[in-house]
Protein backbone atom coordinates (compact mmCIF):
# COMPACT_ATOMS: atom_id res chain seq x y z
CA MET A 1 22.02 -17.98 -7.42
CA THR A 2 19.39 -18.63 -9.92
CA GLU A 3 16.25 -16.44 -10.79
CA GLU A 4 14.11 -19.14 -9.28
CA ILE A 5 15.72 -19.62 -6.07
CA LYS A 6 15.62 -15.46 -5.74
CA TYR A 7 11.98 -15.61 -6.25
CA ILE A 8 11.47 -18.37 -3.56
CA LEU A 9 13.37 -16.31 -1.27
CA LEU A 10 11.20 -13.19 -1.66
CA GLY A 11 7.90 -15.32 -1.28
CA LEU A 12 9.24 -16.85 1.58
CA ILE A 13 10.10 -13.65 3.21
CA GLN A 14 6.81 -11.93 2.54
CA GLY A 15 4.68 -15.22 3.54
CA LEU A 16 6.42 -15.48 6.82
CA ALA A 17 7.50 -12.11 7.91
CA GLU A 18 3.71 -10.84 7.19
CA PHE A 19 2.80 -12.58 10.20
CA PHE A 20 5.69 -13.22 12.28
CA PRO A 21 6.64 -10.11 14.10
CA ILE A 22 10.02 -9.40 12.29
CA SER A 23 9.08 -7.09 9.56
CA SER A 24 8.62 -8.01 5.93
CA SER A 25 9.67 -4.62 4.50
CA GLY A 26 12.94 -4.51 6.57
CA HIS A 27 14.10 -7.85 5.80
CA ILE A 28 13.60 -7.38 2.13
CA ILE A 29 15.38 -4.15 2.01
CA LEU A 30 18.03 -5.59 4.06
CA ILE A 31 18.63 -8.80 1.90
CA SER A 32 18.09 -7.01 -1.40
CA SER A 33 21.41 -4.89 -0.61
CA ILE A 34 23.23 -8.08 -0.28
CA LEU A 35 21.92 -10.16 -3.21
CA ASP A 36 19.95 -9.09 -6.35
CA VAL A 37 16.89 -10.21 -5.17
CA ALA A 38 14.17 -10.13 -7.97
CA GLN A 39 14.71 -6.43 -9.09
CA GLU A 40 12.82 -6.24 -12.21
CA ASN A 41 9.11 -5.16 -11.81
CA PRO A 42 9.11 -4.38 -8.11
CA LEU A 43 5.72 -3.13 -8.18
CA LEU A 44 4.27 -6.31 -9.91
CA LEU A 45 6.31 -8.51 -7.64
CA SER A 46 4.78 -6.31 -4.53
CA ILE A 47 1.24 -6.92 -6.02
CA THR A 48 1.59 -10.73 -6.35
CA VAL A 49 3.02 -11.57 -2.87
CA HIS A 50 0.78 -9.19 -1.01
CA PHE A 51 -2.16 -10.62 -2.92
CA ALA A 52 -0.74 -14.30 -1.93
CA THR A 53 -0.68 -13.25 1.90
CA THR A 54 -4.13 -11.70 1.65
CA LEU A 55 -5.24 -15.08 0.47
CA SER A 56 -3.58 -16.63 3.35
CA THR A 57 -5.45 -14.42 5.91
CA ILE A 58 -8.92 -14.98 3.89
CA ILE A 59 -8.13 -19.01 3.87
CA VAL A 60 -7.27 -19.13 7.76
CA TYR A 61 -10.25 -16.62 8.72
CA ARG A 62 -12.86 -18.15 6.30
CA GLU A 63 -15.31 -18.94 8.84
CA ARG A 64 -15.03 -15.75 10.91
CA LEU A 65 -15.28 -13.57 7.53
CA LYS A 66 -18.25 -15.70 6.36
CA ASN A 67 -19.86 -14.90 9.72
CA MET A 68 -19.27 -11.34 9.81
CA PHE A 69 -20.32 -10.94 6.18
CA LEU A 70 -23.83 -12.62 7.08
CA GLY A 71 -24.19 -11.00 10.19
CA ILE A 72 -23.90 -7.43 8.19
CA VAL A 73 -26.04 -8.74 5.21
CA ARG A 74 -28.84 -10.18 7.32
CA HIS A 75 -28.68 -7.33 10.15
CA GLU A 76 -28.88 -10.47 12.52
CA SER A 77 -25.68 -9.63 14.32
CA LYS A 78 -24.78 -6.31 16.31
CA ASN A 79 -21.54 -7.76 17.11
CA GLU A 80 -20.46 -8.87 13.77
CA ILE A 81 -21.45 -5.27 12.40
CA SER A 82 -19.79 -3.54 15.47
CA PHE A 83 -16.65 -5.59 14.59
CA PHE A 84 -16.85 -4.58 10.79
CA PHE A 85 -16.65 -0.85 11.80
CA LYS A 86 -13.79 -1.25 14.17
CA LEU A 87 -11.94 -2.74 11.15
CA LEU A 88 -12.61 0.45 9.26
CA VAL A 89 -11.88 2.51 12.22
CA SER A 90 -8.37 0.62 12.23
CA SER A 91 -7.93 1.39 8.72
CA PHE A 92 -8.22 5.18 8.64
CA PRO A 93 -4.51 5.90 9.94
CA ILE A 94 -2.68 3.81 7.62
CA VAL A 95 -4.94 5.13 4.67
CA ILE A 96 -3.95 8.82 5.42
CA ILE A 97 -0.23 8.15 6.30
CA GLY A 98 0.01 5.60 3.08
CA LEU A 99 -1.29 8.47 0.83
CA PHE A 100 0.86 11.14 1.83
CA PHE A 101 4.09 9.70 3.28
CA ARG A 102 4.86 6.26 2.09
CA GLU A 103 6.91 6.71 -0.65
CA ASN A 104 9.19 9.29 1.26
CA ILE A 105 9.22 6.99 4.06
CA GLU A 106 10.64 3.97 1.82
CA LEU A 107 12.86 6.35 -0.15
CA VAL A 108 14.58 7.64 3.13
CA PHE A 109 14.94 3.89 4.38
CA ASN A 110 15.99 2.51 1.19
CA GLU A 111 18.85 5.18 1.14
CA PHE A 112 20.00 4.61 4.83
CA LYS A 113 19.64 1.06 5.19
CA TYR A 114 21.13 1.25 8.60
CA LEU A 115 17.97 2.96 9.91
CA VAL A 116 16.18 -0.46 8.77
CA SER A 117 18.51 -2.05 11.30
CA ILE A 118 17.55 0.58 14.17
CA MET A 119 14.01 -0.15 13.52
CA LEU A 120 14.44 -3.88 13.95
CA VAL A 121 15.91 -3.16 17.11
CA VAL A 122 12.89 -1.25 18.34
CA THR A 123 10.61 -3.80 17.18
CA GLY A 124 12.72 -6.38 19.36
CA VAL A 125 12.58 -4.44 22.23
CA LEU A 126 8.81 -3.97 21.93
CA LEU A 127 8.16 -7.65 21.70
CA ILE A 128 10.34 -8.51 24.69
CA MET A 129 8.25 -6.07 26.57
CA THR A 130 4.82 -8.13 25.63
CA LYS A 131 6.22 -10.69 28.39
CA TYR A 132 5.70 -8.25 31.08
CA PHE A 133 2.32 -7.18 30.07
CA ASN A 134 -0.51 -7.92 32.41
CA LYS A 135 -3.13 -10.57 31.19
CA GLU A 136 -6.45 -9.39 31.50
CA LYS A 137 -8.89 -10.41 28.84
CA LYS A 138 -10.62 -6.93 27.40
CA LYS A 139 -12.78 -7.01 24.45
CA ILE A 140 -11.50 -5.01 21.57
CA THR A 141 -13.24 -1.49 21.56
CA TYR A 142 -13.10 1.45 19.03
CA TYR A 143 -10.38 3.07 21.07
CA HIS A 144 -8.34 -0.32 21.07
CA ALA A 145 -9.24 -0.45 17.47
CA LEU A 146 -7.81 2.92 16.64
CA LEU A 147 -4.65 2.50 18.77
CA MET A 148 -4.27 -0.51 16.74
CA GLY A 149 -4.84 1.47 13.58
CA LEU A 150 -2.18 4.01 14.55
CA ALA A 151 0.25 1.46 15.58
CA GLN A 152 -0.15 -0.42 12.08
CA ALA A 153 0.38 3.26 10.52
CA VAL A 154 3.60 3.53 12.18
CA ALA A 155 4.55 0.13 10.75
CA ILE A 156 4.89 1.61 7.35
CA ILE A 157 8.56 2.40 8.50
CA PRO A 158 10.52 -0.50 7.37
CA GLY A 159 11.93 -2.31 10.25
CA ILE A 160 8.75 -1.81 12.13
CA SER A 161 6.87 -5.03 12.19
CA ARG A 162 2.96 -4.50 11.45
CA SER A 163 1.92 -7.56 13.36
CA GLY A 164 4.26 -7.03 16.13
CA ALA A 165 3.52 -3.35 16.47
CA THR A 166 -0.51 -3.97 16.52
CA ILE A 167 -0.72 -7.24 18.52
CA SER A 168 1.79 -5.61 21.12
CA THR A 169 -0.44 -2.66 21.25
CA ALA A 170 -3.57 -5.05 22.00
CA LEU A 171 -1.69 -6.87 24.73
CA MET A 172 -0.65 -3.45 26.28
CA CYS A 173 -4.37 -2.71 26.28
CA LYS A 174 -5.01 -6.28 28.16
CA ILE A 175 -6.68 -7.68 24.91
CA LYS A 176 -6.90 -11.58 24.97
CA GLY A 177 -4.01 -13.02 22.89
CA LYS A 178 -5.92 -14.69 20.27
CA ASP A 179 -8.36 -11.89 19.74
CA ALA A 180 -5.35 -9.65 19.26
CA ALA A 181 -3.83 -11.78 16.71
CA GLU A 182 -7.19 -12.07 14.79
CA PHE A 183 -7.93 -8.38 14.57
CA SER A 184 -4.37 -7.63 13.82
CA PHE A 185 -4.46 -10.05 10.63
CA LEU A 186 -8.00 -8.99 9.72
CA MET A 187 -7.52 -5.24 10.04
CA VAL A 188 -4.96 -5.32 7.21
CA LEU A 189 -7.25 -6.72 4.58
CA LEU A 190 -9.07 -3.71 3.70
CA PRO A 191 -6.05 -1.55 3.26
CA ILE A 192 -3.98 -4.00 1.44
CA ILE A 193 -6.91 -4.89 -0.97
CA GLY A 194 -7.32 -1.28 -1.77
CA ILE A 195 -3.53 -0.87 -2.17
CA THR A 196 -3.44 -3.64 -4.38
CA LEU A 197 -6.26 -2.66 -6.65
CA PHE A 198 -4.29 0.72 -7.02
CA GLU A 199 -1.06 -0.96 -7.98
CA VAL A 200 -3.02 -3.14 -10.30
CA ILE A 201 -4.31 0.14 -11.95
CA MET A 202 -0.69 1.58 -11.98
CA VAL A 203 0.77 -1.77 -13.74
CA TYR A 204 -2.03 -1.74 -16.15
CA SER A 205 -1.72 1.62 -17.23
CA SER A 206 1.92 1.36 -17.71
CA ASN A 207 1.63 -1.40 -20.61
CA LEU A 208 4.00 -3.81 -18.73
CA ILE A 209 5.02 -6.57 -21.04
CA LEU A 210 6.30 -9.89 -19.37
CA ASP A 211 8.35 -12.80 -21.12
CA SER A 212 7.76 -16.23 -19.93
CA LYS A 213 10.70 -16.36 -17.45
CA GLN A 214 9.05 -13.46 -15.43
CA ILE A 215 5.65 -14.88 -15.36
CA GLN A 216 7.08 -18.12 -14.00
CA GLY A 217 9.01 -16.06 -11.22
CA LEU A 218 6.02 -14.47 -10.23
CA ILE A 219 4.05 -17.82 -10.08
CA ILE A 220 6.72 -19.21 -7.92
CA ALA A 221 6.80 -15.92 -5.75
CA PHE A 222 3.11 -16.04 -5.42
CA PHE A 223 2.43 -19.90 -4.27
CA THR A 224 5.67 -19.83 -2.08
CA ALA A 225 4.07 -16.48 -0.49
CA LEU A 226 0.84 -18.29 -0.05
CA LEU A 227 1.92 -21.47 1.64
CA SER A 228 4.58 -20.00 3.88
CA GLY A 229 1.82 -17.27 4.83
CA LEU A 230 -0.72 -20.09 5.63
CA PHE A 231 1.73 -21.65 8.23
CA ALA A 232 3.02 -18.51 9.50
CA CYS A 233 -0.80 -17.35 10.07
CA LYS A 234 -1.85 -20.46 11.80
CA TYR A 235 1.43 -20.88 14.04
CA MET A 236 1.15 -17.12 14.89
CA ILE A 237 -1.87 -17.52 16.55
CA LEU A 238 -0.54 -20.17 18.73
CA ILE A 239 2.38 -17.97 19.78
CA VAL A 240 0.10 -14.92 20.61
CA THR A 241 -2.12 -17.23 22.69
CA ASN A 242 0.97 -18.77 24.47
CA ASN A 243 2.29 -15.09 24.88
CA THR A 244 5.96 -16.30 23.25
CA LEU A 245 6.48 -13.01 21.10
CA GLN A 246 9.71 -12.27 23.18
CA TYR A 247 11.91 -14.86 21.05
CA PHE A 248 10.85 -13.16 18.13
CA GLY A 249 12.16 -9.97 19.90
CA TYR A 250 15.73 -11.43 20.56
CA TYR A 251 15.75 -12.44 16.76
CA CYS A 252 14.80 -8.97 15.65
CA ILE A 253 17.61 -7.26 18.08
CA THR A 254 20.20 -9.81 17.04
CA ILE A 255 19.53 -9.13 13.04
CA GLY A 256 18.92 -5.52 13.37
CA LEU A 257 22.56 -5.13 15.10
CA LEU A 258 24.23 -7.55 12.68
CA PHE A 259 23.04 -5.50 9.93
CA TYR A 260 23.57 -2.25 11.50
CA PHE A 261 27.28 -2.99 12.15
CA LEU A 262 27.30 -4.32 8.47
CA PHE A 263 26.05 -0.91 6.88
CA PHE A 264 27.36 1.59 9.38
């Protein structure tokens, strides 16, 4: 397999799995264990593909973000100000967990890959359960934002889907599907931008030198993640609105069991 194809594969995994509830981190760990997928400079690759999916979210929700920004700056909309602070509240758990436990968690799951498979099965069961949640249409409160934030923090565990955990939590709280998807995708922007800036500082301080082939690979991964992320983000909104997350649940369980028996 050529290096270009490996970078394309990595970008596709990140772009699709960042929005589809199938766990991007879980898939990357499992696939990397079988194929030597872009092992050089993993931190820089992480920055590249995460920045791409963040940009995908901003593009899809550009009008929503614009309205929120103007509402805050002009102090014209209490709803927009409230929405922004709910996003902040949802960010607290993952910031705390990410600062103190992220590296230890990833180390354990990289060492014992069958645990990722088990978590994929857990994700699958959770997604299937959404089919049976009541279809009321409540608005997102600060309490709901905190619960979704806790779900996002749990999703640091590889194999637990971030979008799956947060959206399922919202649906369990009887939030409208479209609102659940929107909040889920926007709530990750603040933490991921912060993490990306931190990782950029880490890379810059390491005096990393890249050759032309590595730069080409990063460009390929970036645009692959960006385009696949745009597709997945838009399509995921329709999926949540139509309440068909259970099909991803069947997929996660199948993949999880397949890799479990492969590793264990």
